[in-house]
Every structure is written in C-alpha cells, then in structure tokens.
C-alpha cells in the first residue's frame, strides 16, 4: 500500500519562505 498511495503532502513550512514562516509564527 505504501508504494501505491499518493505521496505525502509537503510540510507546511516548506510551502513558505523563511520570512513568511517567521510572520506566521
């Protein structure tokens, strides 16, 4: 099953730039 499932979503903080992560924090 792990081989055929959709790849996991990327971590939230990888979607944002370091500056944006700091703003959210």
PDBML (XML) file of the C-alpha atoms, coordinates in Angstrom:
<?xml version="1.0" encoding="UTF-8" ?>
<PDBx:datablock datablockName="MODEL"
   xmlns:PDBx="http://pdbml.pdb.org/schema/pdbx-v50.xsd"
   xmlns:xsi="http://www.w3.org/2001/XMLSchema-instance"
   xsi:schemaLocation="http://pdbml.pdb.org/schema/pdbx-v50.xsd pdbx-v50.xsd">
   <PDBx:atom_siteCategory>
      <PDBx:atom_site id="1">
         <PDBx:B_iso_or_equiv>0.00</PDBx:B_iso_or_equiv>
         <PDBx:Cartn_x>0.000</PDBx:Cartn_x>
         <PDBx:Cartn_y>0.000</PDBx:Cartn_y>
         <PDBx:Cartn_z>0.000</PDBx:Cartn_z>
         <PDBx:auth_asym_id>A</PDBx:auth_asym_id>
         <PDBx:auth_atom_id>CA</PDBx:auth_atom_id>
         <PDBx:auth_comp_id>UNK</PDBx:auth_comp_id>
         <PDBx:auth_seq_id>1</PDBx:auth_seq_id>
         <PDBx:group_PDB>ATOM</PDBx:group_PDB>
         <PDBx:label_alt_id xsi:nil="true" />
         <PDBx:label_asym_id>A</PDBx:label_asym_id>
         <PDBx:label_atom_id>CA</PDBx:label_atom_id>
         <PDBx:label_comp_id>UNK</PDBx:label_comp_id>
         <PDBx:label_entity_id>1</PDBx:label_entity_id>
         <PDBx:label_seq_id>1</PDBx:label_seq_id>
         <PDBx:occupancy>1.00</PDBx:occupancy>
         <PDBx:pdbx_PDB_model_num>1</PDBx:pdbx_PDB_model_num>
         <PDBx:type_symbol>C</PDBx:type_symbol>
      </PDBx:atom_site>
      <PDBx:atom_site id="2">
         <PDBx:B_iso_or_equiv>0.00</PDBx:B_iso_or_equiv>
         <PDBx:Cartn_x>2.727</PDBx:Cartn_x>
         <PDBx:Cartn_y>2.428</PDBx:Cartn_y>
         <PDBx:Cartn_z>0.795</PDBx:Cartn_z>
         <PDBx:auth_asym_id>A</PDBx:auth_asym_id>
         <PDBx:auth_atom_id>CA</PDBx:auth_atom_id>
         <PDBx:auth_comp_id>UNK</PDBx:auth_comp_id>
         <PDBx:auth_seq_id>2</PDBx:auth_seq_id>
         <PDBx:group_PDB>ATOM</PDBx:group_PDB>
         <PDBx:label_alt_id xsi:nil="true" />
         <PDBx:label_asym_id>A</PDBx:label_asym_id>
         <PDBx:label_atom_id>CA</PDBx:label_atom_id>
         <PDBx:label_comp_id>UNK</PDBx:label_comp_id>
         <PDBx:label_entity_id>1</PDBx:label_entity_id>
         <PDBx:label_seq_id>2</PDBx:label_seq_id>
         <PDBx:occupancy>1.00</PDBx:occupancy>
         <PDBx:pdbx_PDB_model_num>1</PDBx:pdbx_PDB_model_num>
         <PDBx:type_symbol>C</PDBx:type_symbol>
      </PDBx:atom_site>
      <PDBx:atom_site id="3">
         <PDBx:B_iso_or_equiv>0.00</PDBx:B_iso_or_equiv>
         <PDBx:Cartn_x>4.151</PDBx:Cartn_x>
         <PDBx:Cartn_y>2.061</PDBx:Cartn_y>
         <PDBx:Cartn_z>-2.622</PDBx:Cartn_z>
         <PDBx:auth_asym_id>A</PDBx:auth_asym_id>
         <PDBx:auth_atom_id>CA</PDBx:auth_atom_id>
         <PDBx:auth_comp_id>UNK</PDBx:auth_comp_id>
         <PDBx:auth_seq_id>3</PDBx:auth_seq_id>
         <PDBx:group_PDB>ATOM</PDBx:group_PDB>
         <PDBx:label_alt_id xsi:nil="true" />
         <PDBx:label_asym_id>A</PDBx:label_asym_id>
         <PDBx:label_atom_id>CA</PDBx:label_atom_id>
         <PDBx:label_comp_id>UNK</PDBx:label_comp_id>
         <PDBx:label_entity_id>1</PDBx:label_entity_id>
         <PDBx:label_seq_id>3</PDBx:label_seq_id>
         <PDBx:occupancy>1.00</PDBx:occupancy>
         <PDBx:pdbx_PDB_model_num>1</PDBx:pdbx_PDB_model_num>
         <PDBx:type_symbol>C</PDBx:type_symbol>
      </PDBx:atom_site>
      <PDBx:atom_site id="4">
         <PDBx:B_iso_or_equiv>0.00</PDBx:B_iso_or_equiv>
         <PDBx:Cartn_x>0.869</PDBx:Cartn_x>
         <PDBx:Cartn_y>2.757</PDBx:Cartn_y>
         <PDBx:Cartn_z>-4.471</PDBx:Cartn_z>
         <PDBx:auth_asym_id>A</PDBx:auth_asym_id>
         <PDBx:auth_atom_id>CA</PDBx:auth_atom_id>
         <PDBx:auth_comp_id>UNK</PDBx:auth_comp_id>
         <PDBx:auth_seq_id>4</PDBx:auth_seq_id>
         <PDBx:group_PDB>ATOM</PDBx:group_PDB>
         <PDBx:label_alt_id xsi:nil="true" />
         <PDBx:label_asym_id>A</PDBx:label_asym_id>
         <PDBx:label_atom_id>CA</PDBx:label_atom_id>
         <PDBx:label_comp_id>UNK</PDBx:label_comp_id>
         <PDBx:label_entity_id>1</PDBx:label_entity_id>
         <PDBx:label_seq_id>4</PDBx:label_seq_id>
         <PDBx:occupancy>1.00</PDBx:occupancy>
         <PDBx:pdbx_PDB_model_num>1</PDBx:pdbx_PDB_model_num>
         <PDBx:type_symbol>C</PDBx:type_symbol>
      </PDBx:atom_site>
      <PDBx:atom_site id="5">
         <PDBx:B_iso_or_equiv>0.00</PDBx:B_iso_or_equiv>
         <PDBx:Cartn_x>-0.522</PDBx:Cartn_x>
         <PDBx:Cartn_y>5.603</PDBx:Cartn_y>
         <PDBx:Cartn_z>-2.183</PDBx:Cartn_z>
         <PDBx:auth_asym_id>A</PDBx:auth_asym_id>
         <PDBx:auth_atom_id>CA</PDBx:auth_atom_id>
         <PDBx:auth_comp_id>UNK</PDBx:auth_comp_id>
         <PDBx:auth_seq_id>5</PDBx:auth_seq_id>
         <PDBx:group_PDB>ATOM</PDBx:group_PDB>
         <PDBx:label_alt_id xsi:nil="true" />
         <PDBx:label_asym_id>A</PDBx:label_asym_id>
         <PDBx:label_atom_id>CA</PDBx:label_atom_id>
         <PDBx:label_comp_id>UNK</PDBx:label_comp_id>
         <PDBx:label_entity_id>1</PDBx:label_entity_id>
         <PDBx:label_seq_id>5</PDBx:label_seq_id>
         <PDBx:occupancy>1.00</PDBx:occupancy>
         <PDBx:pdbx_PDB_model_num>1</PDBx:pdbx_PDB_model_num>
         <PDBx:type_symbol>C</PDBx:type_symbol>
      </PDBx:atom_site>
      <PDBx:atom_site id="6">
         <PDBx:B_iso_or_equiv>0.00</PDBx:B_iso_or_equiv>
         <PDBx:Cartn_x>-0.362</PDBx:Cartn_x>
         <PDBx:Cartn_y>9.309</PDBx:Cartn_y>
         <PDBx:Cartn_z>-3.099</PDBx:Cartn_z>
         <PDBx:auth_asym_id>A</PDBx:auth_asym_id>
         <PDBx:auth_atom_id>CA</PDBx:auth_atom_id>
         <PDBx:auth_comp_id>UNK</PDBx:auth_comp_id>
         <PDBx:auth_seq_id>6</PDBx:auth_seq_id>
         <PDBx:group_PDB>ATOM</PDBx:group_PDB>
         <PDBx:label_alt_id xsi:nil="true" />
         <PDBx:label_asym_id>A</PDBx:label_asym_id>
         <PDBx:label_atom_id>CA</PDBx:label_atom_id>
         <PDBx:label_comp_id>UNK</PDBx:label_comp_id>
         <PDBx:label_entity_id>1</PDBx:label_entity_id>
         <PDBx:label_seq_id>6</PDBx:label_seq_id>
         <PDBx:occupancy>1.00</PDBx:occupancy>
         <PDBx:pdbx_PDB_model_num>1</PDBx:pdbx_PDB_model_num>
         <PDBx:type_symbol>C</PDBx:type_symbol>
      </PDBx:atom_site>
      <PDBx:atom_site id="7">
         <PDBx:B_iso_or_equiv>0.00</PDBx:B_iso_or_equiv>
         <PDBx:Cartn_x>2.918</PDBx:Cartn_x>
         <PDBx:Cartn_y>10.795</PDBx:Cartn_y>
         <PDBx:Cartn_z>-1.953</PDBx:Cartn_z>
         <PDBx:auth_asym_id>A</PDBx:auth_asym_id>
         <PDBx:auth_atom_id>CA</PDBx:auth_atom_id>
         <PDBx:auth_comp_id>UNK</PDBx:auth_comp_id>
         <PDBx:auth_seq_id>7</PDBx:auth_seq_id>
         <PDBx:group_PDB>ATOM</PDBx:group_PDB>
         <PDBx:label_alt_id xsi:nil="true" />
         <PDBx:label_asym_id>A</PDBx:label_asym_id>
         <PDBx:label_atom_id>CA</PDBx:label_atom_id>
         <PDBx:label_comp_id>UNK</PDBx:label_comp_id>
         <PDBx:label_entity_id>1</PDBx:label_entity_id>
         <PDBx:label_seq_id>7</PDBx:label_seq_id>
         <PDBx:occupancy>1.00</PDBx:occupancy>
         <PDBx:pdbx_PDB_model_num>1</PDBx:pdbx_PDB_model_num>
         <PDBx:type_symbol>C</PDBx:type_symbol>
      </PDBx:atom_site>
      <PDBx:atom_site id="8">
         <PDBx:B_iso_or_equiv>0.00</PDBx:B_iso_or_equiv>
         <PDBx:Cartn_x>2.506</PDBx:Cartn_x>
         <PDBx:Cartn_y>12.648</PDBx:Cartn_y>
         <PDBx:Cartn_z>1.397</PDBx:Cartn_z>
         <PDBx:auth_asym_id>A</PDBx:auth_asym_id>
         <PDBx:auth_atom_id>CA</PDBx:auth_atom_id>
         <PDBx:auth_comp_id>UNK</PDBx:auth_comp_id>
         <PDBx:auth_seq_id>8</PDBx:auth_seq_id>
         <PDBx:group_PDB>ATOM</PDBx:group_PDB>
         <PDBx:label_alt_id xsi:nil="true" />
         <PDBx:label_asym_id>A</PDBx:label_asym_id>
         <PDBx:label_atom_id>CA</PDBx:label_atom_id>
         <PDBx:label_comp_id>UNK</PDBx:label_comp_id>
         <PDBx:label_entity_id>1</PDBx:label_entity_id>
         <PDBx:label_seq_id>8</PDBx:label_seq_id>
         <PDBx:occupancy>1.00</PDBx:occupancy>
         <PDBx:pdbx_PDB_model_num>1</PDBx:pdbx_PDB_model_num>
         <PDBx:type_symbol>C</PDBx:type_symbol>
      </PDBx:atom_site>
      <PDBx:atom_site id="9">
         <PDBx:B_iso_or_equiv>0.00</PDBx:B_iso_or_equiv>
         <PDBx:Cartn_x>1.808</PDBx:Cartn_x>
         <PDBx:Cartn_y>16.436</PDBx:Cartn_y>
         <PDBx:Cartn_z>1.372</PDBx:Cartn_z>
         <PDBx:auth_asym_id>A</PDBx:auth_asym_id>
         <PDBx:auth_atom_id>CA</PDBx:auth_atom_id>
         <PDBx:auth_comp_id>UNK</PDBx:auth_comp_id>
         <PDBx:auth_seq_id>9</PDBx:auth_seq_id>
         <PDBx:group_PDB>ATOM</PDBx:group_PDB>
         <PDBx:label_alt_id xsi:nil="true" />
         <PDBx:label_asym_id>A</PDBx:label_asym_id>
         <PDBx:label_atom_id>CA</PDBx:label_atom_id>
         <PDBx:label_comp_id>UNK</PDBx:label_comp_id>
         <PDBx:label_entity_id>1</PDBx:label_entity_id>
         <PDBx:label_seq_id>9</PDBx:label_seq_id>
         <PDBx:occupancy>1.00</PDBx:occupancy>
         <PDBx:pdbx_PDB_model_num>1</PDBx:pdbx_PDB_model_num>
         <PDBx:type_symbol>C</PDBx:type_symbol>
      </PDBx:atom_site>
      <PDBx:atom_site id="10">
         <PDBx:B_iso_or_equiv>0.00</PDBx:B_iso_or_equiv>
         <PDBx:Cartn_x>4.869</PDBx:Cartn_x>
         <PDBx:Cartn_y>18.525</PDBx:Cartn_y>
         <PDBx:Cartn_z>1.905</PDBx:Cartn_z>
         <PDBx:auth_asym_id>A</PDBx:auth_asym_id>
         <PDBx:auth_atom_id>CA</PDBx:auth_atom_id>
         <PDBx:auth_comp_id>UNK</PDBx:auth_comp_id>
         <PDBx:auth_seq_id>10</PDBx:auth_seq_id>
         <PDBx:group_PDB>ATOM</PDBx:group_PDB>
         <PDBx:label_alt_id xsi:nil="true" />
         <PDBx:label_asym_id>A</PDBx:label_asym_id>
         <PDBx:label_atom_id>CA</PDBx:label_atom_id>
         <PDBx:label_comp_id>UNK</PDBx:label_comp_id>
         <PDBx:label_entity_id>1</PDBx:label_entity_id>
         <PDBx:label_seq_id>10</PDBx:label_seq_id>
         <PDBx:occupancy>1.00</PDBx:occupancy>
         <PDBx:pdbx_PDB_model_num>1</PDBx:pdbx_PDB_model_num>
         <PDBx:type_symbol>C</PDBx:type_symbol>
      </PDBx:atom_site>
      <PDBx:atom_site id="11">
         <PDBx:B_iso_or_equiv>0.00</PDBx:B_iso_or_equiv>
         <PDBx:Cartn_x>5.320</PDBx:Cartn_x>
         <PDBx:Cartn_y>20.072</PDBx:Cartn_y>
         <PDBx:Cartn_z>5.330</PDBx:Cartn_z>
         <PDBx:auth_asym_id>A</PDBx:auth_asym_id>
         <PDBx:auth_atom_id>CA</PDBx:auth_atom_id>
         <PDBx:auth_comp_id>UNK</PDBx:auth_comp_id>
         <PDBx:auth_seq_id>11</PDBx:auth_seq_id>
         <PDBx:group_PDB>ATOM</PDBx:group_PDB>
         <PDBx:label_alt_id xsi:nil="true" />
         <PDBx:label_asym_id>A</PDBx:label_asym_id>
         <PDBx:label_atom_id>CA</PDBx:label_atom_id>
         <PDBx:label_comp_id>UNK</PDBx:label_comp_id>
         <PDBx:label_entity_id>1</PDBx:label_entity_id>
         <PDBx:label_seq_id>11</PDBx:label_seq_id>
         <PDBx:occupancy>1.00</PDBx:occupancy>
         <PDBx:pdbx_PDB_model_num>1</PDBx:pdbx_PDB_model_num>
         <PDBx:type_symbol>C</PDBx:type_symbol>
      </PDBx:atom_site>
      <PDBx:atom_site id="12">
         <PDBx:B_iso_or_equiv>0.00</PDBx:B_iso_or_equiv>
         <PDBx:Cartn_x>3.536</PDBx:Cartn_x>
         <PDBx:Cartn_y>23.421</PDBx:Cartn_y>
         <PDBx:Cartn_z>5.771</PDBx:Cartn_z>
         <PDBx:auth_asym_id>A</PDBx:auth_asym_id>
         <PDBx:auth_atom_id>CA</PDBx:auth_atom_id>
         <PDBx:auth_comp_id>UNK</PDBx:auth_comp_id>
         <PDBx:auth_seq_id>12</PDBx:auth_seq_id>
         <PDBx:group_PDB>ATOM</PDBx:group_PDB>
         <PDBx:label_alt_id xsi:nil="true" />
         <PDBx:label_asym_id>A</PDBx:label_asym_id>
         <PDBx:label_atom_id>CA</PDBx:label_atom_id>
         <PDBx:label_comp_id>UNK</PDBx:label_comp_id>
         <PDBx:label_entity_id>1</PDBx:label_entity_id>
         <PDBx:label_seq_id>12</PDBx:label_seq_id>
         <PDBx:occupancy>1.00</PDBx:occupancy>
         <PDBx:pdbx_PDB_model_num>1</PDBx:pdbx_PDB_model_num>
         <PDBx:type_symbol>C</PDBx:type_symbol>
      </PDBx:atom_site>
      <PDBx:atom_site id="13">
         <PDBx:B_iso_or_equiv>0.00</PDBx:B_iso_or_equiv>
         <PDBx:Cartn_x>6.742</PDBx:Cartn_x>
         <PDBx:Cartn_y>25.310</PDBx:Cartn_y>
         <PDBx:Cartn_z>6.443</PDBx:Cartn_z>
         <PDBx:auth_asym_id>A</PDBx:auth_asym_id>
         <PDBx:auth_atom_id>CA</PDBx:auth_atom_id>
         <PDBx:auth_comp_id>UNK</PDBx:auth_comp_id>
         <PDBx:auth_seq_id>13</PDBx:auth_seq_id>
         <PDBx:group_PDB>ATOM</PDBx:group_PDB>
         <PDBx:label_alt_id xsi:nil="true" />
         <PDBx:label_asym_id>A</PDBx:label_asym_id>
         <PDBx:label_atom_id>CA</PDBx:label_atom_id>
         <PDBx:label_comp_id>UNK</PDBx:label_comp_id>
         <PDBx:label_entity_id>1</PDBx:label_entity_id>
         <PDBx:label_seq_id>13</PDBx:label_seq_id>
         <PDBx:occupancy>1.00</PDBx:occupancy>
         <PDBx:pdbx_PDB_model_num>1</PDBx:pdbx_PDB_model_num>
         <PDBx:type_symbol>C</PDBx:type_symbol>
      </PDBx:atom_site>
      <PDBx:atom_site id="14">
         <PDBx:B_iso_or_equiv>0.00</PDBx:B_iso_or_equiv>
         <PDBx:Cartn_x>8.215</PDBx:Cartn_x>
         <PDBx:Cartn_y>24.106</PDBx:Cartn_y>
         <PDBx:Cartn_z>3.131</PDBx:Cartn_z>
         <PDBx:auth_asym_id>A</PDBx:auth_asym_id>
         <PDBx:auth_atom_id>CA</PDBx:auth_atom_id>
         <PDBx:auth_comp_id>UNK</PDBx:auth_comp_id>
         <PDBx:auth_seq_id>14</PDBx:auth_seq_id>
         <PDBx:group_PDB>ATOM</PDBx:group_PDB>
         <PDBx:label_alt_id xsi:nil="true" />
         <PDBx:label_asym_id>A</PDBx:label_asym_id>
         <PDBx:label_atom_id>CA</PDBx:label_atom_id>
         <PDBx:label_comp_id>UNK</PDBx:label_comp_id>
         <PDBx:label_entity_id>1</PDBx:label_entity_id>
         <PDBx:label_seq_id>14</PDBx:label_seq_id>
         <PDBx:occupancy>1.00</PDBx:occupancy>
         <PDBx:pdbx_PDB_model_num>1</PDBx:pdbx_PDB_model_num>
         <PDBx:type_symbol>C</PDBx:type_symbol>
      </PDBx:atom_site>
      <PDBx:atom_site id="15">
         <PDBx:B_iso_or_equiv>0.00</PDBx:B_iso_or_equiv>
         <PDBx:Cartn_x>5.484</PDBx:Cartn_x>
         <PDBx:Cartn_y>25.989</PDBx:Cartn_y>
         <PDBx:Cartn_z>1.273</PDBx:Cartn_z>
         <PDBx:auth_asym_id>A</PDBx:auth_asym_id>
         <PDBx:auth_atom_id>CA</PDBx:auth_atom_id>
         <PDBx:auth_comp_id>UNK</PDBx:auth_comp_id>
         <PDBx:auth_seq_id>15</PDBx:auth_seq_id>
         <PDBx:group_PDB>ATOM</PDBx:group_PDB>
         <PDBx:label_alt_id xsi:nil="true" />
         <PDBx:label_asym_id>A</PDBx:label_asym_id>
         <PDBx:label_atom_id>CA</PDBx:label_atom_id>
         <PDBx:label_comp_id>UNK</PDBx:label_comp_id>
         <PDBx:label_entity_id>1</PDBx:label_entity_id>
         <PDBx:label_seq_id>15</PDBx:label_seq_id>
         <PDBx:occupancy>1.00</PDBx:occupancy>
         <PDBx:pdbx_PDB_model_num>1</PDBx:pdbx_PDB_model_num>
         <PDBx:type_symbol>C</PDBx:type_symbol>
      </PDBx:atom_site>
      <PDBx:atom_site id="16">
         <PDBx:B_iso_or_equiv>0.00</PDBx:B_iso_or_equiv>
         <PDBx:Cartn_x>6.574</PDBx:Cartn_x>
         <PDBx:Cartn_y>29.313</PDBx:Cartn_y>
         <PDBx:Cartn_z>2.764</PDBx:Cartn_z>
         <PDBx:auth_asym_id>A</PDBx:auth_asym_id>
         <PDBx:auth_atom_id>CA</PDBx:auth_atom_id>
         <PDBx:auth_comp_id>UNK</PDBx:auth_comp_id>
         <PDBx:auth_seq_id>16</PDBx:auth_seq_id>
         <PDBx:group_PDB>ATOM</PDBx:group_PDB>
         <PDBx:label_alt_id xsi:nil="true" />
         <PDBx:label_asym_id>A</PDBx:label_asym_id>
         <PDBx:label_atom_id>CA</PDBx:label_atom_id>
         <PDBx:label_comp_id>UNK</PDBx:label_comp_id>
         <PDBx:label_entity_id>1</PDBx:label_entity_id>
         <PDBx:label_seq_id>16</PDBx:label_seq_id>
         <PDBx:occupancy>1.00</PDBx:occupancy>
         <PDBx:pdbx_PDB_model_num>1</PDBx:pdbx_PDB_model_num>
         <PDBx:type_symbol>C</PDBx:type_symbol>
      </PDBx:atom_site>
      <PDBx:atom_site id="17">
         <PDBx:B_iso_or_equiv>0.00</PDBx:B_iso_or_equiv>
         <PDBx:Cartn_x>9.730</PDBx:Cartn_x>
         <PDBx:Cartn_y>31.274</PDBx:Cartn_y>
         <PDBx:Cartn_z>2.613</PDBx:Cartn_z>
         <PDBx:auth_asym_id>A</PDBx:auth_asym_id>
         <PDBx:auth_atom_id>CA</PDBx:auth_atom_id>
         <PDBx:auth_comp_id>UNK</PDBx:auth_comp_id>
         <PDBx:auth_seq_id>17</PDBx:auth_seq_id>
         <PDBx:group_PDB>ATOM</PDBx:group_PDB>
         <PDBx:label_alt_id xsi:nil="true" />
         <PDBx:label_asym_id>A</PDBx:label_asym_id>
         <PDBx:label_atom_id>CA</PDBx:label_atom_id>
         <PDBx:label_comp_id>UNK</PDBx:label_comp_id>
         <PDBx:label_entity_id>1</PDBx:label_entity_id>
         <PDBx:label_seq_id>17</PDBx:label_seq_id>
         <PDBx:occupancy>1.00</PDBx:occupancy>
         <PDBx:pdbx_PDB_model_num>1</PDBx:pdbx_PDB_model_num>
         <PDBx:type_symbol>C</PDBx:type_symbol>
      </PDBx:atom_site>
      <PDBx:atom_site id="18">
         <PDBx:B_iso_or_equiv>0.00</PDBx:B_iso_or_equiv>
         <PDBx:Cartn_x>11.670</PDBx:Cartn_x>
         <PDBx:Cartn_y>31.681</PDBx:Cartn_y>
         <PDBx:Cartn_z>5.859</PDBx:Cartn_z>
         <PDBx:auth_asym_id>A</PDBx:auth_asym_id>
         <PDBx:auth_atom_id>CA</PDBx:auth_atom_id>
         <PDBx:auth_comp_id>UNK</PDBx:auth_comp_id>
         <PDBx:auth_seq_id>18</PDBx:auth_seq_id>
         <PDBx:group_PDB>ATOM</PDBx:group_PDB>
         <PDBx:label_alt_id xsi:nil="true" />
         <PDBx:label_asym_id>A</PDBx:label_asym_id>
         <PDBx:label_atom_id>CA</PDBx:label_atom_id>
         <PDBx:label_comp_id>UNK</PDBx:label_comp_id>
         <PDBx:label_entity_id>1</PDBx:label_entity_id>
         <PDBx:label_seq_id>18</PDBx:label_seq_id>
         <PDBx:occupancy>1.00</PDBx:occupancy>
         <PDBx:pdbx_PDB_model_num>1</PDBx:pdbx_PDB_model_num>
         <PDBx:type_symbol>C</PDBx:type_symbol>
      </PDBx:atom_site>
      <PDBx:atom_site id="19">
         <PDBx:B_iso_or_equiv>0.00</PDBx:B_iso_or_equiv>
         <PDBx:Cartn_x>10.371</PDBx:Cartn_x>
         <PDBx:Cartn_y>35.239</PDBx:Cartn_y>
         <PDBx:Cartn_z>6.130</PDBx:Cartn_z>
         <PDBx:auth_asym_id>A</PDBx:auth_asym_id>
         <PDBx:auth_atom_id>CA</PDBx:auth_atom_id>
         <PDBx:auth_comp_id>UNK</PDBx:auth_comp_id>
         <PDBx:auth_seq_id>19</PDBx:auth_seq_id>
         <PDBx:group_PDB>ATOM</PDBx:group_PDB>
         <PDBx:label_alt_id xsi:nil="true" />
         <PDBx:label_asym_id>A</PDBx:label_asym_id>
         <PDBx:label_atom_id>CA</PDBx:label_atom_id>
         <PDBx:label_comp_id>UNK</PDBx:label_comp_id>
         <PDBx:label_entity_id>1</PDBx:label_entity_id>
         <PDBx:label_seq_id>19</PDBx:label_seq_id>
         <PDBx:occupancy>1.00</PDBx:occupancy>
         <PDBx:pdbx_PDB_model_num>1</PDBx:pdbx_PDB_model_num>
         <PDBx:type_symbol>C</PDBx:type_symbol>
      </PDBx:atom_site>
      <PDBx:atom_site id="20">
         <PDBx:B_iso_or_equiv>0.00</PDBx:B_iso_or_equiv>
         <PDBx:Cartn_x>6.767</PDBx:Cartn_x>
         <PDBx:Cartn_y>34.045</PDBx:Cartn_y>
         <PDBx:Cartn_z>5.743</PDBx:Cartn_z>
         <PDBx:auth_asym_id>A</PDBx:auth_asym_id>
         <PDBx:auth_atom_id>CA</PDBx:auth_atom_id>
         <PDBx:auth_comp_id>UNK</PDBx:auth_comp_id>
         <PDBx:auth_seq_id>20</PDBx:auth_seq_id>
         <PDBx:group_PDB>ATOM</PDBx:group_PDB>
         <PDBx:label_alt_id xsi:nil="true" />
         <PDBx:label_asym_id>A</PDBx:label_asym_id>
         <PDBx:label_atom_id>CA</PDBx:label_atom_id>
         <PDBx:label_comp_id>UNK</PDBx:label_comp_id>
         <PDBx:label_entity_id>1</PDBx:label_entity_id>
         <PDBx:label_seq_id>20</PDBx:label_seq_id>
         <PDBx:occupancy>1.00</PDBx:occupancy>
         <PDBx:pdbx_PDB_model_num>1</PDBx:pdbx_PDB_model_num>
         <PDBx:type_symbol>C</PDBx:type_symbol>
      </PDBx:atom_site>
      <PDBx:atom_site id="21">
         <PDBx:B_iso_or_equiv>0.00</PDBx:B_iso_or_equiv>
         <PDBx:Cartn_x>7.255</PDBx:Cartn_x>
         <PDBx:Cartn_y>31.321</PDBx:Cartn_y>
         <PDBx:Cartn_z>8.329</PDBx:Cartn_z>
         <PDBx:auth_asym_id>A</PDBx:auth_asym_id>
         <PDBx:auth_atom_id>CA</PDBx:auth_atom_id>
         <PDBx:auth_comp_id>UNK</PDBx:auth_comp_id>
         <PDBx:auth_seq_id>21</PDBx:auth_seq_id>
         <PDBx:group_PDB>ATOM</PDBx:group_PDB>
         <PDBx:label_alt_id xsi:nil="true" />
         <PDBx:label_asym_id>A</PDBx:label_asym_id>
         <PDBx:label_atom_id>CA</PDBx:label_atom_id>
         <PDBx:label_comp_id>UNK</PDBx:label_comp_id>
         <PDBx:label_entity_id>1</PDBx:label_entity_id>
         <PDBx:label_seq_id>21</PDBx:label_seq_id>
         <PDBx:occupancy>1.00</PDBx:occupancy>
         <PDBx:pdbx_PDB_model_num>1</PDBx:pdbx_PDB_model_num>
         <PDBx:type_symbol>C</PDBx:type_symbol>
      </PDBx:atom_site>
      <PDBx:atom_site id="22">
         <PDBx:B_iso_or_equiv>0.00</PDBx:B_iso_or_equiv>
         <PDBx:Cartn_x>8.524</PDBx:Cartn_x>
         <PDBx:Cartn_y>33.928</PDBx:Cartn_y>
         <PDBx:Cartn_z>10.762</PDBx:Cartn_z>
         <PDBx:auth_asym_id>A</PDBx:auth_asym_id>
         <PDBx:auth_atom_id>CA</PDBx:auth_atom_id>
         <PDBx:auth_comp_id>UNK</PDBx:auth_comp_id>
         <PDBx:auth_seq_id>22</PDBx:auth_seq_id>
         <PDBx:group_PDB>ATOM</PDBx:group_PDB>
         <PDBx:label_alt_id xsi:nil="true" />
         <PDBx:label_asym_id>A</PDBx:label_asym_id>
         <PDBx:label_atom_id>CA</PDBx:label_atom_id>
         <PDBx:label_comp_id>UNK</PDBx:label_comp_id>
         <PDBx:label_entity_id>1</PDBx:label_entity_id>
         <PDBx:label_seq_id>22</PDBx:label_seq_id>
         <PDBx:occupancy>1.00</PDBx:occupancy>
         <PDBx:pdbx_PDB_model_num>1</PDBx:pdbx_PDB_model_num>
         <PDBx:type_symbol>C</PDBx:type_symbol>
      </PDBx:atom_site>
      <PDBx:atom_site id="23">
         <PDBx:B_iso_or_equiv>0.00</PDBx:B_iso_or_equiv>
         <PDBx:Cartn_x>5.482</PDBx:Cartn_x>
         <PDBx:Cartn_y>36.119</PDBx:Cartn_y>
         <PDBx:Cartn_z>10.063</PDBx:Cartn_z>
         <PDBx:auth_asym_id>A</PDBx:auth_asym_id>
         <PDBx:auth_atom_id>CA</PDBx:auth_atom_id>
         <PDBx:auth_comp_id>UNK</PDBx:auth_comp_id>
         <PDBx:auth_seq_id>23</PDBx:auth_seq_id>
         <PDBx:group_PDB>ATOM</PDBx:group_PDB>
         <PDBx:label_alt_id xsi:nil="true" />
         <PDBx:label_asym_id>A</PDBx:label_asym_id>
         <PDBx:label_atom_id>CA</PDBx:label_atom_id>
         <PDBx:label_comp_id>UNK</PDBx:label_comp_id>
         <PDBx:label_entity_id>1</PDBx:label_entity_id>
         <PDBx:label_seq_id>23</PDBx:label_seq_id>
         <PDBx:occupancy>1.00</PDBx:occupancy>
         <PDBx:pdbx_PDB_model_num>1</PDBx:pdbx_PDB_model_num>
         <PDBx:type_symbol>C</PDBx:type_symbol>
      </PDBx:atom_site>
      <PDBx:atom_site id="24">
         <PDBx:B_iso_or_equiv>0.00</PDBx:B_iso_or_equiv>
         <PDBx:Cartn_x>3.098</PDBx:Cartn_x>
         <PDBx:Cartn_y>33.228</PDBx:Cartn_y>
         <PDBx:Cartn_z>10.760</PDBx:Cartn_z>
         <PDBx:auth_asym_id>A</PDBx:auth_asym_id>
         <PDBx:auth_atom_id>CA</PDBx:auth_atom_id>
         <PDBx:auth_comp_id>UNK</PDBx:auth_comp_id>
         <PDBx:auth_seq_id>24</PDBx:auth_seq_id>
         <PDBx:group_PDB>ATOM</PDBx:group_PDB>
         <PDBx:label_alt_id xsi:nil="true" />
         <PDBx:label_asym_id>A</PDBx:label_asym_id>
         <PDBx:label_atom_id>CA</PDBx:label_atom_id>
         <PDBx:label_comp_id>UNK</PDBx:label_comp_id>
         <PDBx:label_entity_id>1</PDBx:label_entity_id>
         <PDBx:label_seq_id>24</PDBx:label_seq_id>
         <PDBx:occupancy>1.00</PDBx:occupancy>
         <PDBx:pdbx_PDB_model_num>1</PDBx:pdbx_PDB_model_num>
         <PDBx:type_symbol>C</PDBx:type_symbol>
      </PDBx:atom_site>
      <PDBx:atom_site id="25">
         <PDBx:B_iso_or_equiv>0.00</PDBx:B_iso_or_equiv>
         <PDBx:Cartn_x>4.927</PDBx:Cartn_x>
         <PDBx:Cartn_y>32.348</PDBx:Cartn_y>
         <PDBx:Cartn_z>13.962</PDBx:Cartn_z>
         <PDBx:auth_asym_id>A</PDBx:auth_asym_id>
         <PDBx:auth_atom_id>CA</PDBx:auth_atom_id>
         <PDBx:auth_comp_id>UNK</PDBx:auth_comp_id>
         <PDBx:auth_seq_id>25</PDBx:auth_seq_id>
         <PDBx:group_PDB>ATOM</PDBx:group_PDB>
         <PDBx:label_alt_id xsi:nil="true" />
         <PDBx:label_asym_id>A</PDBx:label_asym_id>
         <PDBx:label_atom_id>CA</PDBx:label_atom_id>
         <PDBx:label_comp_id>UNK</PDBx:label_comp_id>
         <PDBx:label_entity_id>1</PDBx:label_entity_id>
         <PDBx:label_seq_id>25</PDBx:label_seq_id>
         <PDBx:occupancy>1.00</PDBx:occupancy>
         <PDBx:pdbx_PDB_model_num>1</PDBx:pdbx_PDB_model_num>
         <PDBx:type_symbol>C</PDBx:type_symbol>
      </PDBx:atom_site>
   </PDBx:atom_siteCategory>
</PDBx:datablock>
